[in-house]
Amino acid sequence: MVVIIKCHGLAICFPGDMEVAGWKGLLKDKTFVQAISEVNVFVASHHGRENGCCEELFSQTGLKPQVVLISDSGVEHATQQTVSWYGARAGGMNYKGQTRRVFTTRSDGRILIEASPSGTTLDIGVS
């Protein structure tokens, strides 16, 4: 199941453990394609593993989130090395004076997403 939540101009995609075959199936649904194209925070599916990385999801929908979040623990599998793949597909945001495209719970700890009611500000906090 893929969930897209929209609030205050922020659209976050929570794709669970969606893999490439599932993404390709969803790309046949025009409603899904429209919704995913508006996402500005994308949580990487399957904890950022390669089997969730679907090139067509980005190339066929215009999806270019500001940031990608990867929720994972320590590296246990070679297939978890996808930070640069996702980083190449995210627009980035200013975080403490530098441009960040990907945040991971592995290196950043807990991640908090905040949006202003006016829809003009996206803020990420880590601890």
Foldseek 3Di string as FASTA:
>chain_A
DWDWDDALQAIEIDHEQDFQVNLVVQVVPPVSLQNQLSHQEYEQHPQQFQRRDHPCSCVVRVRAHQAYEGEDADDPDPRNPCLVVQQVRHNFDADPRDTDHYHYCHPFNDWDWDADNNNPDIDIDGD
